């Protein structure tokens, strides 16, 4: 139920992000979703792609520092309160959300929220017991 995410450290300069996307495009890697956070000197690009191994290899070969992280993809109805329903359950169980980002599925009926938790296994167990839909990596990589 865990999804592999790549974190790529990018120098905060014009063209830095373009270089990553060019490398992935040339390697025929499809970006499923992403998030970019920055500081004055560098950015952290978090990516979920269709081929984690190949993307990681290509980026490393081109001088990027890449790490892998396990995250959780939770599907919720795309309506007011969808995110809150998850956060309420997590807060009651004292599970911390380190970060999250989201996208809406093509149908427009559901959103997929990518979570990084302080205790991934506990969070998955809790969410499953509360009947939230957790997506397997294979599904997410091919959405």
N, C-alpha and C. Protein backbone atom coordinates (compact mmCIF):
# COMPACT_ATOMS: atom_id res chain seq x y z
N UNK A 1 0.81 -1.21 0.00
CA UNK A 1 0.00 0.00 0.00
C UNK A 1 0.85 1.27 0.00
N UNK A 2 2.15 1.11 0.08
CA UNK A 2 3.03 2.27 0.05
C UNK A 2 3.40 2.59 -1.40
N UNK A 3 3.64 3.85 -1.63
CA UNK A 3 4.01 4.33 -2.95
C UNK A 3 5.43 4.88 -2.86
N UNK A 4 6.24 4.59 -3.88
CA UNK A 4 7.60 5.12 -3.89
C UNK A 4 7.62 6.48 -4.57
N UNK A 5 8.21 7.43 -3.87
CA UNK A 5 8.34 8.79 -4.35
C UNK A 5 9.82 9.12 -4.49
N UNK A 6 10.15 9.88 -5.50
CA UNK A 6 11.52 10.38 -5.65
C UNK A 6 11.58 11.81 -5.13
N UNK A 7 12.64 12.11 -4.41
CA UNK A 7 12.93 13.49 -4.01
C UNK A 7 14.22 13.88 -4.70
N UNK A 8 14.15 14.96 -5.46
CA UNK A 8 15.29 15.41 -6.26
C UNK A 8 15.69 16.80 -5.75
N UNK A 9 16.95 16.94 -5.41
CA UNK A 9 17.46 18.22 -4.94
C UNK A 9 17.94 19.02 -6.14
N UNK A 10 17.37 20.22 -6.30
CA UNK A 10 17.64 21.06 -7.47
C UNK A 10 18.17 22.40 -7.00
N UNK A 11 19.25 22.83 -7.63
CA UNK A 11 19.76 24.17 -7.34
C UNK A 11 18.70 25.19 -7.74
N UNK A 12 18.47 26.17 -6.89
CA UNK A 12 17.46 27.19 -7.15
C UNK A 12 18.02 28.22 -8.12
N UNK A 13 17.87 27.91 -9.41
CA UNK A 13 18.37 28.79 -10.48
C UNK A 13 17.50 28.60 -11.71
N UNK A 14 17.48 29.58 -12.61
CA UNK A 14 16.69 29.43 -13.84
C UNK A 14 17.13 28.18 -14.62
N UNK A 15 16.18 27.38 -15.05
CA UNK A 15 16.47 26.19 -15.85
C UNK A 15 16.69 24.92 -15.06
N UNK A 16 16.77 25.01 -13.74
CA UNK A 16 17.00 23.81 -12.94
C UNK A 16 15.88 22.79 -13.06
N UNK A 17 14.67 23.25 -12.94
CA UNK A 17 13.51 22.36 -13.07
C UNK A 17 13.36 21.85 -14.50
N UNK A 18 13.63 22.71 -15.46
CA UNK A 18 13.55 22.30 -16.87
C UNK A 18 14.50 21.17 -17.16
N UNK A 19 15.68 21.21 -16.57
CA UNK A 19 16.67 20.16 -16.80
C UNK A 19 16.15 18.80 -16.33
N UNK A 20 15.52 18.77 -15.17
CA UNK A 20 14.95 17.52 -14.66
C UNK A 20 13.87 17.01 -15.60
N UNK A 21 12.96 17.87 -15.98
CA UNK A 21 11.86 17.42 -16.85
C UNK A 21 12.36 16.99 -18.22
N UNK A 22 13.42 17.63 -18.73
CA UNK A 22 13.99 17.22 -20.02
C UNK A 22 14.58 15.81 -19.92
N UNK A 23 15.32 15.55 -18.85
CA UNK A 23 15.92 14.23 -18.64
C UNK A 23 14.83 13.17 -18.58
N UNK A 24 13.77 13.45 -17.84
CA UNK A 24 12.67 12.48 -17.73
C UNK A 24 11.95 12.31 -19.07
N UNK A 25 11.74 13.39 -19.78
CA UNK A 25 11.08 13.31 -21.10
C UNK A 25 11.91 12.46 -22.04
N UNK A 26 13.21 12.71 -22.09
CA UNK A 26 14.08 11.96 -22.99
C UNK A 26 14.15 10.48 -22.60
N UNK A 27 13.93 10.18 -21.33
CA UNK A 27 13.92 8.80 -20.86
C UNK A 27 12.55 8.15 -20.94
N UNK A 28 11.58 8.86 -21.51
CA UNK A 28 10.21 8.38 -21.64
C UNK A 28 9.58 8.07 -20.28
N UNK A 29 9.88 8.92 -19.29
CA UNK A 29 9.33 8.80 -17.95
C UNK A 29 8.14 9.74 -17.83
N UNK A 30 7.01 9.20 -17.39
CA UNK A 30 5.80 10.01 -17.22
C UNK A 30 5.68 10.42 -15.76
N UNK A 31 5.54 11.72 -15.52
CA UNK A 31 5.33 12.24 -14.18
C UNK A 31 3.85 12.13 -13.86
N UNK A 32 3.53 11.41 -12.80
CA UNK A 32 2.12 11.22 -12.41
C UNK A 32 1.64 12.37 -11.54
N UNK A 33 2.49 12.83 -10.62
CA UNK A 33 2.19 14.00 -9.80
C UNK A 33 3.50 14.52 -9.22
N UNK A 34 3.49 15.77 -8.78
CA UNK A 34 4.72 16.35 -8.24
C UNK A 34 4.41 17.47 -7.28
N UNK A 35 5.43 17.81 -6.52
CA UNK A 35 5.38 18.94 -5.59
C UNK A 35 6.77 19.54 -5.57
N UNK A 36 6.84 20.86 -5.51
CA UNK A 36 8.13 21.54 -5.45
C UNK A 36 8.13 22.50 -4.27
N UNK A 37 9.11 22.36 -3.40
CA UNK A 37 9.30 23.27 -2.27
C UNK A 37 10.69 23.86 -2.42
N UNK A 38 10.85 25.12 -2.05
CA UNK A 38 12.16 25.72 -2.25
C UNK A 38 12.63 26.51 -1.05
N UNK A 39 13.93 26.73 -1.06
CA UNK A 39 14.58 27.66 -0.14
C UNK A 39 15.32 28.64 -1.05
N UNK A 40 16.10 29.51 -0.48
CA UNK A 40 16.81 30.48 -1.33
C UNK A 40 17.89 29.81 -2.18
N UNK A 41 18.42 28.67 -1.74
CA UNK A 41 19.52 28.03 -2.46
C UNK A 41 19.15 26.81 -3.28
N UNK A 42 18.16 26.05 -2.83
CA UNK A 42 17.82 24.83 -3.55
C UNK A 42 16.34 24.51 -3.39
N UNK A 43 15.86 23.61 -4.24
CA UNK A 43 14.49 23.15 -4.16
C UNK A 43 14.46 21.64 -3.97
N UNK A 44 13.37 21.16 -3.42
CA UNK A 44 13.16 19.72 -3.33
C UNK A 44 11.95 19.41 -4.19
N UNK A 45 12.20 18.67 -5.25
CA UNK A 45 11.15 18.25 -6.17
C UNK A 45 10.75 16.84 -5.78
N UNK A 46 9.50 16.69 -5.39
CA UNK A 46 8.99 15.36 -5.05
C UNK A 46 8.15 14.87 -6.22
N UNK A 47 8.47 13.68 -6.68
CA UNK A 47 7.85 13.14 -7.89
C UNK A 47 7.33 11.73 -7.68
N UNK A 48 6.20 11.45 -8.27
CA UNK A 48 5.76 10.08 -8.44
C UNK A 48 5.70 9.88 -9.95
N UNK A 49 6.43 8.88 -10.40
CA UNK A 49 6.58 8.64 -11.83
C UNK A 49 6.21 7.19 -12.17
N UNK A 50 6.08 6.93 -13.46
CA UNK A 50 5.66 5.58 -13.88
C UNK A 50 6.79 4.56 -13.80
N UNK A 51 8.05 4.98 -13.74
CA UNK A 51 9.17 4.05 -13.63
C UNK A 51 10.20 4.64 -12.68
N UNK A 52 10.06 4.31 -11.41
CA UNK A 52 10.90 4.89 -10.35
C UNK A 52 12.37 4.53 -10.54
N UNK A 53 12.65 3.28 -10.84
CA UNK A 53 14.05 2.85 -10.98
C UNK A 53 14.76 3.57 -12.12
N UNK A 54 14.12 3.61 -13.27
CA UNK A 54 14.73 4.25 -14.43
C UNK A 54 14.90 5.75 -14.20
N UNK A 55 13.88 6.39 -13.64
CA UNK A 55 13.96 7.83 -13.39
C UNK A 55 15.08 8.15 -12.41
N UNK A 56 15.19 7.38 -11.35
CA UNK A 56 16.24 7.58 -10.36
C UNK A 56 17.62 7.44 -11.01
N UNK A 57 17.78 6.40 -11.79
CA UNK A 57 19.06 6.15 -12.46
C UNK A 57 19.42 7.29 -13.40
N UNK A 58 18.48 7.71 -14.23
CA UNK A 58 18.75 8.78 -15.19
C UNK A 58 19.14 10.09 -14.50
N UNK A 59 18.42 10.43 -13.46
CA UNK A 59 18.71 11.68 -12.75
C UNK A 59 20.07 11.62 -12.06
N UNK A 60 20.39 10.49 -11.44
CA UNK A 60 21.70 10.35 -10.80
C UNK A 60 22.82 10.42 -11.83
N UNK A 61 22.62 9.77 -12.98
CA UNK A 61 23.64 9.81 -14.05
C UNK A 61 23.89 11.23 -14.53
N UNK A 62 22.89 12.10 -14.37
CA UNK A 62 23.01 13.49 -14.81
C UNK A 62 23.36 14.43 -13.66
N UNK A 63 23.85 13.86 -12.55
CA UNK A 63 24.39 14.68 -11.48
C UNK A 63 23.43 15.15 -10.42
N UNK A 64 22.21 14.66 -10.43
CA UNK A 64 21.26 15.07 -9.41
C UNK A 64 21.33 14.16 -8.20
N UNK A 65 21.10 14.75 -7.05
CA UNK A 65 20.99 13.97 -5.81
C UNK A 65 19.54 13.53 -5.68
N UNK A 66 19.33 12.22 -5.60
CA UNK A 66 17.98 11.66 -5.60
C UNK A 66 17.83 10.72 -4.41
N UNK A 67 16.71 10.83 -3.72
CA UNK A 67 16.41 9.86 -2.66
C UNK A 67 15.01 9.32 -2.88
N UNK A 68 14.76 8.17 -2.27
CA UNK A 68 13.46 7.52 -2.37
C UNK A 68 12.78 7.56 -1.02
N UNK A 69 11.48 7.80 -1.05
CA UNK A 69 10.69 7.88 0.17
C UNK A 69 9.40 7.11 -0.04
N UNK A 70 8.93 6.48 1.01
CA UNK A 70 7.63 5.82 0.93
C UNK A 70 6.55 6.77 1.42
N UNK A 71 5.54 6.93 0.58
CA UNK A 71 4.40 7.78 0.90
C UNK A 71 3.14 6.94 0.74
N UNK A 72 2.01 7.53 1.09
CA UNK A 72 0.73 6.84 1.02
C UNK A 72 -0.22 7.67 0.16
N UNK A 73 -0.88 7.03 -0.79
CA UNK A 73 -1.85 7.70 -1.67
C UNK A 73 -3.25 7.31 -1.21
N UNK A 74 -4.02 8.30 -0.80
CA UNK A 74 -5.37 8.06 -0.31
C UNK A 74 -6.36 8.73 -1.25
N UNK A 75 -7.35 7.97 -1.68
CA UNK A 75 -8.37 8.49 -2.58
C UNK A 75 -9.57 8.95 -1.75
N UNK A 76 -10.04 10.15 -2.02
CA UNK A 76 -11.20 10.68 -1.30
C UNK A 76 -12.12 11.37 -2.30
N UNK A 77 -13.41 11.44 -1.99
CA UNK A 77 -14.31 12.19 -2.87
C UNK A 77 -13.86 13.65 -2.96
N UNK A 78 -13.91 14.20 -4.16
CA UNK A 78 -13.53 15.59 -4.39
C UNK A 78 -14.71 16.48 -4.04
N UNK A 79 -14.81 16.78 -2.74
CA UNK A 79 -15.90 17.60 -2.22
C UNK A 79 -15.41 18.30 -0.95
N UNK A 80 -16.11 19.33 -0.52
CA UNK A 80 -15.72 19.99 0.73
C UNK A 80 -15.69 18.98 1.88
N UNK A 81 -14.62 19.01 2.66
CA UNK A 81 -14.49 18.13 3.81
C UNK A 81 -13.78 16.82 3.53
N UNK A 82 -13.46 16.53 2.27
CA UNK A 82 -12.78 15.28 1.95
C UNK A 82 -11.46 15.13 2.68
N UNK A 83 -10.62 16.12 2.60
CA UNK A 83 -9.33 16.09 3.29
C UNK A 83 -9.53 16.09 4.81
N UNK A 84 -10.46 16.89 5.29
CA UNK A 84 -10.69 16.98 6.73
C UNK A 84 -11.07 15.63 7.32
N UNK A 85 -11.84 14.84 6.59
CA UNK A 85 -12.26 13.54 7.12
C UNK A 85 -11.06 12.65 7.42
N UNK A 86 -10.02 12.76 6.61
CA UNK A 86 -8.80 11.98 6.83
C UNK A 86 -8.01 12.57 8.01
N UNK A 87 -7.82 13.87 7.99
CA UNK A 87 -7.01 14.53 9.02
C UNK A 87 -7.62 14.38 10.40
N UNK A 88 -8.95 14.34 10.47
CA UNK A 88 -9.62 14.17 11.76
C UNK A 88 -9.27 12.81 12.38
N UNK A 89 -9.31 11.76 11.56
CA UNK A 89 -8.98 10.41 12.03
C UNK A 89 -7.52 10.34 12.46
N UNK A 90 -6.64 10.94 11.68
CA UNK A 90 -5.21 10.92 11.99
C UNK A 90 -4.90 11.69 13.27
N UNK A 91 -5.52 12.83 13.44
CA UNK A 91 -5.28 13.65 14.63
C UNK A 91 -5.71 12.93 15.90
N UNK A 92 -6.85 12.26 15.84
CA UNK A 92 -7.34 11.52 17.02
C UNK A 92 -6.36 10.41 17.42
N UNK A 93 -5.66 9.85 16.43
CA UNK A 93 -4.70 8.77 16.70
C UNK A 93 -3.29 9.29 16.92
N UNK A 94 -3.14 10.61 16.94
CA UNK A 94 -1.85 11.25 17.17
C UNK A 94 -0.81 10.88 16.12
N UNK A 95 -1.25 10.79 14.86
CA UNK A 95 -0.33 10.53 13.74
C UNK A 95 -0.03 11.85 13.06
N UNK A 96 1.25 12.14 12.92
CA UNK A 96 1.68 13.40 12.32
C UNK A 96 1.80 13.29 10.81
N UNK A 97 1.31 14.32 10.12
CA UNK A 97 1.49 14.46 8.68
C UNK A 97 2.70 15.35 8.47
N UNK A 98 3.76 14.78 7.87
CA UNK A 98 4.97 15.58 7.64
C UNK A 98 4.78 16.52 6.45
N UNK A 99 4.13 16.04 5.40
CA UNK A 99 3.74 16.88 4.27
C UNK A 99 2.71 16.13 3.44
N UNK A 100 2.06 16.86 2.55
CA UNK A 100 1.10 16.24 1.63
C UNK A 100 0.99 17.10 0.38
N UNK A 101 0.51 16.48 -0.67
CA UNK A 101 0.13 17.18 -1.89
C UNK A 101 -0.94 16.35 -2.57
N UNK A 102 -1.66 16.93 -3.51
CA UNK A 102 -2.83 16.24 -4.05
C UNK A 102 -3.03 16.54 -5.53
N UNK A 103 -3.86 15.71 -6.14
CA UNK A 103 -4.32 15.97 -7.50
C UNK A 103 -5.71 15.36 -7.66
N UNK A 104 -6.44 15.82 -8.67
CA UNK A 104 -7.77 15.31 -8.94
C UNK A 104 -7.67 14.29 -10.06
N UNK A 105 -8.35 13.15 -9.90
CA UNK A 105 -8.34 12.12 -10.93
C UNK A 105 -9.04 12.63 -12.18
N UNK A 106 -8.76 11.99 -13.28
CA UNK A 106 -9.32 12.40 -14.57
C UNK A 106 -10.83 12.47 -14.56
N UNK A 107 -11.49 11.58 -13.84
CA UNK A 107 -12.95 11.58 -13.79
C UNK A 107 -13.48 12.83 -13.10
N UNK A 108 -12.66 13.44 -12.26
CA UNK A 108 -13.07 14.62 -11.53
C UNK A 108 -13.93 14.33 -10.31
N UNK A 109 -14.17 13.05 -10.05
CA UNK A 109 -15.01 12.68 -8.91
C UNK A 109 -14.21 12.50 -7.63
N UNK A 110 -12.94 12.13 -7.75
CA UNK A 110 -12.10 11.87 -6.58
C UNK A 110 -10.80 12.65 -6.65
N UNK A 111 -10.28 12.91 -5.48
CA UNK A 111 -8.95 13.48 -5.37
C UNK A 111 -8.04 12.39 -4.80
N UNK A 112 -6.77 12.47 -5.13
CA UNK A 112 -5.78 11.58 -4.54
C UNK A 112 -4.83 12.47 -3.76
N UNK A 113 -4.69 12.14 -2.49
CA UNK A 113 -3.82 12.92 -1.62
C UNK A 113 -2.62 12.06 -1.27
N UNK A 114 -1.45 12.60 -1.52
CA UNK A 114 -0.19 11.92 -1.22
C UNK A 114 0.28 12.40 0.15
N UNK A 115 0.44 11.47 1.08
CA UNK A 115 0.84 11.79 2.45
C UNK A 115 2.20 11.21 2.78
N UNK A 116 2.97 11.96 3.53
CA UNK A 116 4.17 11.46 4.19
C UNK A 116 3.87 11.54 5.68
N UNK A 117 3.87 10.38 6.34
CA UNK A 117 3.54 10.30 7.76
C UNK A 117 4.78 10.02 8.58
N UNK A 118 4.72 10.35 9.87
CA UNK A 118 5.82 9.99 10.77
C UNK A 118 5.80 8.50 11.08
N UNK A 119 4.64 7.85 10.98
CA UNK A 119 4.53 6.41 11.19
C UNK A 119 3.63 5.85 10.08
N UNK A 120 4.26 5.48 8.97
CA UNK A 120 3.54 5.07 7.76
C UNK A 120 2.67 3.85 8.01
N UNK A 121 3.20 2.81 8.64
CA UNK A 121 2.44 1.58 8.85
C UNK A 121 1.23 1.80 9.75
N UNK A 122 1.41 2.57 10.80
CA UNK A 122 0.30 2.87 11.71
C UNK A 122 -0.78 3.66 10.97
N UNK A 123 -0.36 4.60 10.14
CA UNK A 123 -1.32 5.42 9.39
C UNK A 123 -2.12 4.57 8.41
N UNK A 124 -1.44 3.67 7.70
CA UNK A 124 -2.14 2.80 6.74
C UNK A 124 -3.17 1.94 7.47
N UNK A 125 -2.75 1.33 8.56
CA UNK A 125 -3.67 0.48 9.32
C UNK A 125 -4.89 1.27 9.79
N UNK A 126 -4.67 2.44 10.31
CA UNK A 126 -5.76 3.28 10.80
C UNK A 126 -6.70 3.68 9.66
N UNK A 127 -6.15 4.14 8.56
CA UNK A 127 -6.99 4.57 7.44
C UNK A 127 -7.80 3.42 6.86
N UNK A 128 -7.19 2.25 6.76
CA UNK A 128 -7.93 1.08 6.27
C UNK A 128 -9.07 0.72 7.21
N UNK A 129 -8.82 0.77 8.51
CA UNK A 129 -9.88 0.46 9.49
C UNK A 129 -11.04 1.46 9.42
N UNK A 130 -10.75 2.67 8.93
CA UNK A 130 -11.80 3.68 8.76
C UNK A 130 -12.34 3.73 7.33
N UNK A 131 -12.02 2.70 6.56
CA UNK A 131 -12.57 2.48 5.22
C UNK A 131 -12.19 3.55 4.20
N UNK A 132 -11.00 4.13 4.36
CA UNK A 132 -10.49 5.03 3.34
C UNK A 132 -9.83 4.17 2.25
N UNK A 133 -9.88 4.63 1.02
CA UNK A 133 -9.30 3.90 -0.10
C UNK A 133 -7.84 4.29 -0.24
N UNK A 134 -6.96 3.31 -0.05
CA UNK A 134 -5.53 3.54 -0.21
C UNK A 134 -5.11 2.90 -1.52
N UNK A 135 -4.48 3.67 -2.37
CA UNK A 135 -4.09 3.18 -3.69
C UNK A 135 -2.73 2.50 -3.64
N UNK A 136 -2.64 1.40 -4.34
CA UNK A 136 -1.36 0.72 -4.50
C UNK A 136 -0.51 1.52 -5.47
N UNK A 137 0.80 1.40 -5.31
CA UNK A 137 1.71 2.11 -6.20
C UNK A 137 1.46 1.81 -7.66
N UNK A 138 1.23 0.53 -7.98
CA UNK A 138 1.02 0.14 -9.38
C UNK A 138 -0.14 0.90 -10.01
N UNK A 139 -1.21 1.12 -9.26
CA UNK A 139 -2.35 1.86 -9.81
C UNK A 139 -1.97 3.32 -10.01
N UNK A 140 -1.33 3.89 -9.02
CA UNK A 140 -0.97 5.30 -9.09
C UNK A 140 -0.01 5.59 -10.23
N UNK A 141 0.96 4.69 -10.44
CA UNK A 141 1.94 4.91 -11.49
C UNK A 141 1.29 4.90 -12.87
N UNK A 142 0.11 4.28 -12.99
CA UNK A 142 -0.51 4.16 -14.31
C UNK A 142 -1.80 4.95 -14.46
N UNK A 143 -2.19 5.75 -13.46
CA UNK A 143 -3.44 6.53 -13.55
C UNK A 143 -3.46 7.41 -14.77
